Protein backbone atom coordinates (compact mmCIF):
# COMPACT_ATOMS: atom_id res chain seq x y z
CA MET A 1 7.46 -9.19 -17.90
CA ALA A 2 7.56 -5.60 -16.64
CA LYS A 3 7.40 -5.21 -12.85
CA ARG A 4 5.39 -2.54 -11.09
CA ILE A 5 7.61 -0.27 -9.03
CA THR A 6 7.24 2.60 -6.59
CA ILE A 7 9.59 5.60 -6.56
CA LYS A 8 9.71 7.50 -3.28
CA LEU A 9 10.73 11.18 -3.37
CA GLU A 10 11.39 13.25 -0.25
CA SER A 11 12.29 16.70 1.01
CA GLU A 12 12.96 17.64 4.63
CA ASN A 13 9.28 17.57 5.57
CA TYR A 14 7.36 16.07 2.66
CA ARG A 15 7.24 12.93 0.52
CA TYR A 16 5.29 11.56 -2.43
CA PHE A 17 5.33 8.46 -4.61
CA LEU A 18 5.42 7.77 -8.36
CA ASN A 19 4.24 4.43 -9.75
CA PHE A 20 5.27 2.86 -13.06
CA GLN A 21 6.14 -0.44 -14.68
CA ILE A 22 9.90 -0.62 -15.16
CA LYS A 23 11.25 -1.75 -18.52
CA GLU A 24 13.22 -5.00 -18.19
CA GLU A 25 16.30 -3.52 -19.84
CA CYS A 26 16.35 -0.79 -17.18
CA GLU A 27 16.61 -3.07 -14.13
CA SER A 28 20.43 -3.24 -14.10
CA LYS A 29 22.40 -1.30 -11.46
CA GLU A 30 23.89 0.89 -14.18
CA LYS A 31 20.49 1.86 -15.57
CA ILE A 32 19.04 2.42 -12.09
CA SER A 33 21.94 4.76 -11.25
CA GLU A 34 21.41 6.64 -14.52
CA MET A 35 17.67 6.85 -13.81
CA VAL A 36 18.19 8.24 -10.31
CA LEU A 37 20.60 10.90 -11.57
CA GLU A 38 18.12 12.06 -14.23
CA LEU A 39 15.13 12.07 -11.89
CA ASN A 40 17.03 13.93 -9.17
CA LYS A 41 18.12 16.53 -11.70
CA PHE A 42 14.57 17.04 -12.99
CA PHE A 43 12.57 17.12 -9.74
CA ASP A 44 12.90 19.36 -6.70
CA PHE A 45 12.62 16.39 -4.35
CA LYS A 46 15.25 13.67 -3.91
CA ILE A 47 14.80 9.99 -4.79
CA THR A 48 15.18 8.04 -1.54
CA GLN A 49 13.88 4.60 -2.56
CA ILE A 50 12.85 2.60 -5.64
CA TYR A 51 11.26 -0.76 -4.98
CA HIS A 52 9.05 -3.54 -6.34
CA GLU A 53 6.57 -5.02 -3.89
CA LEU A 54 6.86 -8.81 -3.72
CA PRO A 55 3.70 -10.96 -3.51
CA ASP A 56 4.06 -11.30 0.27
CA GLY A 57 4.28 -7.53 0.71
CA ARG A 58 8.05 -7.24 1.25
CA PRO A 59 9.95 -4.64 -0.82
CA LEU A 60 12.55 -5.65 -3.37
CA ASN A 61 14.78 -2.57 -3.40
CA TYR A 62 16.37 -1.41 -6.63
CA TYR A 63 17.68 1.66 -4.85
CA LYS A 64 17.62 3.07 -1.32
CA ILE A 65 19.67 5.83 0.27
CA SER A 66 21.27 5.39 3.70
CA ASP A 67 21.93 9.05 4.51
CA TYR A 68 18.83 11.21 4.99
CA ASN A 69 20.74 14.30 6.13
CA ASP A 70 21.01 15.84 2.68
CA LEU A 71 17.36 16.11 1.66
CA PRO A 72 16.17 19.27 -0.18
CA SER A 73 14.81 22.05 2.00
CA ASP A 74 11.20 23.22 1.62
CA SER A 75 10.17 26.61 0.28
CA ASP A 76 7.05 28.70 0.86
CA ASN A 77 6.03 28.27 -2.79
CA MET A 78 5.62 24.52 -2.90
CA THR A 79 2.59 23.15 -4.66
CA ALA A 80 1.27 19.72 -5.60
CA ASP A 81 0.06 19.00 -9.10
CA ILE A 82 -1.71 15.95 -10.52
CA PHE A 83 -0.79 14.63 -13.96
CA ASN A 84 -2.54 11.95 -16.05
CA VAL A 85 -0.50 9.30 -17.85
CA ASN A 86 -1.77 8.51 -21.37
CA LYS A 87 -5.01 10.40 -20.59
CA ASP A 88 -5.96 7.60 -18.18
CA ILE A 89 -7.83 9.02 -15.19
CA CYS A 90 -6.92 5.90 -13.19
CA ASP A 91 -3.19 6.46 -13.81
CA ARG A 92 -2.15 9.67 -12.09
CA LEU A 93 1.07 11.16 -10.81
CA TYR A 94 1.13 13.44 -7.77
CA ILE A 95 4.19 15.68 -8.00
CA ILE A 96 5.30 18.34 -5.50
CA HIS A 97 7.51 21.17 -6.72
CA ASN A 98 8.71 24.67 -5.88
CA SER A 99 7.43 26.51 -8.96
CA ASP A 100 5.17 26.19 -11.98
CA ASN A 101 8.04 24.99 -14.13
CA VAL A 102 7.15 21.32 -13.72
CA ARG A 103 3.57 21.95 -14.82
CA ARG A 104 4.85 23.49 -18.05
CA ARG A 105 7.28 20.65 -18.73
CA CYS A 106 4.87 17.79 -19.49
CA ALA A 107 6.65 16.93 -22.73
CA GLU A 108 9.99 16.68 -20.91
CA MET A 109 8.44 14.46 -18.24
CA GLN A 110 6.97 12.20 -20.92
CA LYS A 111 10.38 11.88 -22.58
CA LEU A 112 12.09 11.15 -19.25
CA PHE A 113 9.56 8.63 -17.95
CA SER A 114 9.18 6.79 -21.27
CA LYS A 115 12.94 6.20 -21.36
CA TYR A 116 12.74 3.89 -18.32
CA PHE A 117 9.10 3.02 -17.70
CA PHE A 118 5.79 1.78 -19.05
CA ALA A 119 2.48 3.19 -17.79
CA TYR A 120 1.51 1.79 -14.39
CA ASN A 121 -2.18 1.07 -14.92
CA ARG A 122 -2.42 -0.49 -18.39
CA GLY A 123 1.24 -0.94 -19.27
CA GLY A 124 2.47 0.09 -22.70
CA GLU A 125 4.58 3.05 -23.75
CA ILE A 126 4.05 6.38 -22.01
CA GLU A 127 2.85 8.53 -24.91
CA THR A 128 1.48 11.57 -23.07
CA ILE A 129 1.75 13.27 -19.69
CA SER A 130 -0.94 15.89 -19.19
CA TRP A 131 -1.63 18.27 -16.31
CA TYR A 132 -4.92 17.55 -14.53
CA GLN A 133 -5.26 19.89 -11.56
CA ASN A 134 -3.49 21.67 -8.74
CA LYS A 135 -3.76 20.78 -5.04
CA SER A 136 -2.49 22.40 -1.89
CA VAL A 137 0.51 20.79 -0.25
CA ASN A 138 -1.42 19.51 2.75
CA PHE A 139 -0.83 16.98 5.50
CA LYS A 140 -1.38 14.12 3.06
CA PHE A 141 2.22 14.59 1.91
CA ARG A 142 3.80 15.46 5.26
CA LYS A 143 6.22 13.14 7.03
CA ASN A 144 6.03 12.43 10.76
CA LYS A 145 2.63 14.05 10.99
CA SER A 146 -0.14 13.40 13.48
CA PHE A 147 -3.48 12.01 12.34
CA SER A 148 -5.80 14.77 11.21
CA GLY A 149 -9.01 12.90 10.55
CA PHE A 150 -8.61 12.89 6.76
CA HIS A 151 -9.19 9.57 5.03
CA GLY A 152 -7.09 8.91 1.98
CA LEU A 153 -7.80 6.50 -0.84
CA PRO A 154 -4.84 4.14 -0.62
CA HIS A 155 -6.55 1.47 -2.66
CA SER A 156 -8.23 3.54 -5.36
CA ASN A 157 -5.83 2.34 -8.04
CA ALA A 158 -4.43 -0.76 -6.38
CA TYR A 159 -6.31 -3.54 -8.16
CA GLY A 160 -3.89 -5.37 -10.43
CA SER A 161 -0.87 -5.65 -8.10
CA ASP A 162 0.35 -9.13 -7.19
CA ILE A 163 -1.59 -9.74 -3.99
CA GLU A 164 -4.81 -8.30 -5.47
CA LYS A 165 -4.41 -10.55 -8.52
CA ILE A 166 -3.98 -13.63 -6.34
CA LEU A 167 -7.04 -12.90 -4.20
CA GLY A 168 -9.08 -11.72 -7.20
CA GLU A 169 -8.42 -14.95 -9.13
CA ALA A 170 -9.28 -17.00 -6.05
CA LEU A 171 -12.56 -15.11 -5.62
CA LYS A 172 -13.45 -15.76 -9.28
CA LYS A 173 -12.55 -19.44 -8.99
CA SER A 174 -14.82 -19.71 -5.94
CA GLY A 175 -17.71 -18.15 -7.82
CA ILE A 176 -17.91 -15.12 -5.52
CA GLU A 177 -19.23 -12.07 -7.32
CA PHE A 178 -17.36 -8.87 -6.54
CA ILE A 179 -16.84 -5.34 -7.78
CA THR A 180 -13.54 -3.48 -8.12
CA GLN A 181 -13.11 0.32 -8.10
CA GLN A 182 -16.37 0.68 -6.13
CA GLN A 183 -16.44 4.13 -4.51
CA ILE A 184 -17.96 4.36 -1.03
CA LEU A 185 -19.23 7.85 -0.21
CA HIS A 186 -19.52 9.68 3.10
CA ASN A 187 -20.60 13.31 3.61
CA LEU A 188 -20.88 13.81 -0.17
CA ALA A 189 -17.25 12.78 -0.73
CA VAL A 190 -15.43 9.57 -1.57
CA LEU A 191 -14.41 7.90 1.69
CA THR A 192 -12.61 4.89 0.22
CA VAL A 193 -12.31 2.53 -2.73
CA PRO A 194 -11.89 -1.09 -1.51
CA ASP A 195 -9.85 -3.59 -3.47
CA PHE A 196 -12.97 -5.81 -3.66
CA PHE A 197 -16.58 -5.03 -2.77
CA ILE A 198 -19.27 -7.71 -2.35
CA GLU A 199 -22.50 -5.81 -2.74
CA LYS A 200 -25.04 -8.32 -1.48
CA CYS A 201 -23.58 -8.29 2.03
CA MET A 202 -21.93 -4.83 1.89
CA LEU A 203 -18.51 -6.33 2.47
CA ALA A 204 -15.38 -4.24 1.74
CA ILE A 205 -12.16 -6.24 1.35
CA TYR A 206 -8.67 -4.72 1.43
CA CYS A 207 -5.28 -6.22 0.58
CA ASP A 208 -2.67 -4.50 2.74
CA GLY A 209 0.86 -4.58 1.36
CA PHE A 210 4.29 -3.27 2.33
CA GLN A 211 3.47 0.42 2.69
CA TYR A 212 0.57 -0.39 5.02
CA HIS A 213 2.72 -2.44 7.39
CA TYR A 214 5.56 0.07 7.59
CA ASN A 215 3.52 3.25 7.83
CA LYS A 216 2.00 3.90 11.27
CA GLU A 217 -0.08 6.76 9.93
CA SER A 218 -1.71 4.51 7.32
CA VAL A 219 -2.68 2.04 10.03
CA ILE A 220 -4.27 4.83 12.12
CA LYS A 221 -6.17 6.24 9.12
CA ASP A 222 -7.40 2.80 8.05
CA ARG A 223 -8.63 1.92 11.52
CA SER A 224 -10.56 5.19 11.76
CA GLN A 225 -11.92 4.65 8.26
CA ASP A 226 -13.04 1.14 9.22
CA ARG A 227 -15.04 2.54 12.14
CA ILE A 228 -16.86 4.94 9.82
CA LEU A 229 -17.59 2.09 7.40
CA GLN A 230 -19.02 0.00 10.23
CA TYR A 231 -21.14 2.95 11.38
CA LEU A 232 -22.50 3.23 7.82
CA GLY A 233 -23.42 -0.46 7.82
CA TYR A 234 -20.49 -1.91 5.87
CA LYS A 235 -18.44 -4.92 6.92
CA VAL A 236 -14.65 -4.82 6.53
CA LEU A 237 -12.04 -7.54 6.02
CA ARG A 238 -8.31 -6.81 5.68
CA TYR A 239 -5.71 -9.36 4.54
CA THR A 240 -1.94 -8.93 4.60
CA GLY A 241 0.24 -9.92 1.67
CA SER A 242 1.70 -12.83 3.66
CA GLU A 243 -1.78 -14.16 4.45
CA ILE A 244 -2.83 -14.04 0.79
CA VAL A 245 0.35 -15.57 -0.56
CA GLY A 246 0.69 -18.10 2.28
CA ASP A 247 -2.87 -19.48 2.24
CA VAL A 248 -5.30 -17.79 -0.12
CA ASP A 249 -7.77 -20.69 0.32
CA LYS A 250 -8.03 -19.83 4.03
CA CYS A 251 -8.83 -16.21 3.09
CA ILE A 252 -11.56 -17.38 0.71
CA SER A 253 -13.00 -19.70 3.37
CA GLU A 254 -13.20 -16.81 5.83
CA ILE A 255 -14.85 -14.57 3.24
CA LYS A 256 -17.46 -17.26 2.50
CA LYS A 257 -18.25 -17.67 6.21
CA PHE A 258 -18.54 -13.91 6.57
CA MET A 259 -20.88 -13.73 3.56
CA GLN A 260 -23.03 -16.60 4.82
CA LYS A 261 -23.43 -15.00 8.25
CA PHE A 262 -24.43 -11.58 7.01
CA ILE A 263 -26.57 -12.69 4.06
CA THR A 264 -28.50 -14.98 6.43
CA ASN A 265 -28.56 -12.39 9.24
CA PRO A 266 -28.28 -8.97 7.56
């Protein structure tokens, strides 16, 4: 079964992530080394880590560099572009580059990615990579940056990973009705997309994995986001990967108690 992986690319001051399902025949050290060489040659940024997130949130590293002194420098012409995989608006790649060359090389990207990966969202062969839109290279991609008040959407395409599957199946088994991919708006913009949303008590549930625990900025953004949600009348529950894997029944019990309290006393 193909595993979902994250590829981290970095320059001196910026980073971004690509997400795919890795083909089983490409998990060997030899294939990973070949993959890294090809990706580094194609992109302006350098591959610094490739990992699969285990059910408890820990990373299983296929590749990780130890020397961060040789990262590519940043130019004044950098731009970020969004690409759709297989015309799936829920399966997007954010790629930062120094020129428009990457945007014009969709066919080459498709050939490169399909050699090693399946599509992240629905699986299956990567048949098309298409440019969607351009974005400025803003603080969202900066490393070692201070919190700016912007709220990202870290969970907008997360449903389907291991810890979400475990909690989702447990919610279904318990007869709890929930919605996935539910956008919550604030100031005419999407504030967040919880992993699970229970509409009758306005409860937003998040499953926080490896990147959440090891990224101080994500913690700060999520805490600020939670305060806005509470101000808007939503309730928020966050569960770590270790909590879900270790005792999912306890998580379900807490969710039921939360629901009972706020449905009885809205």
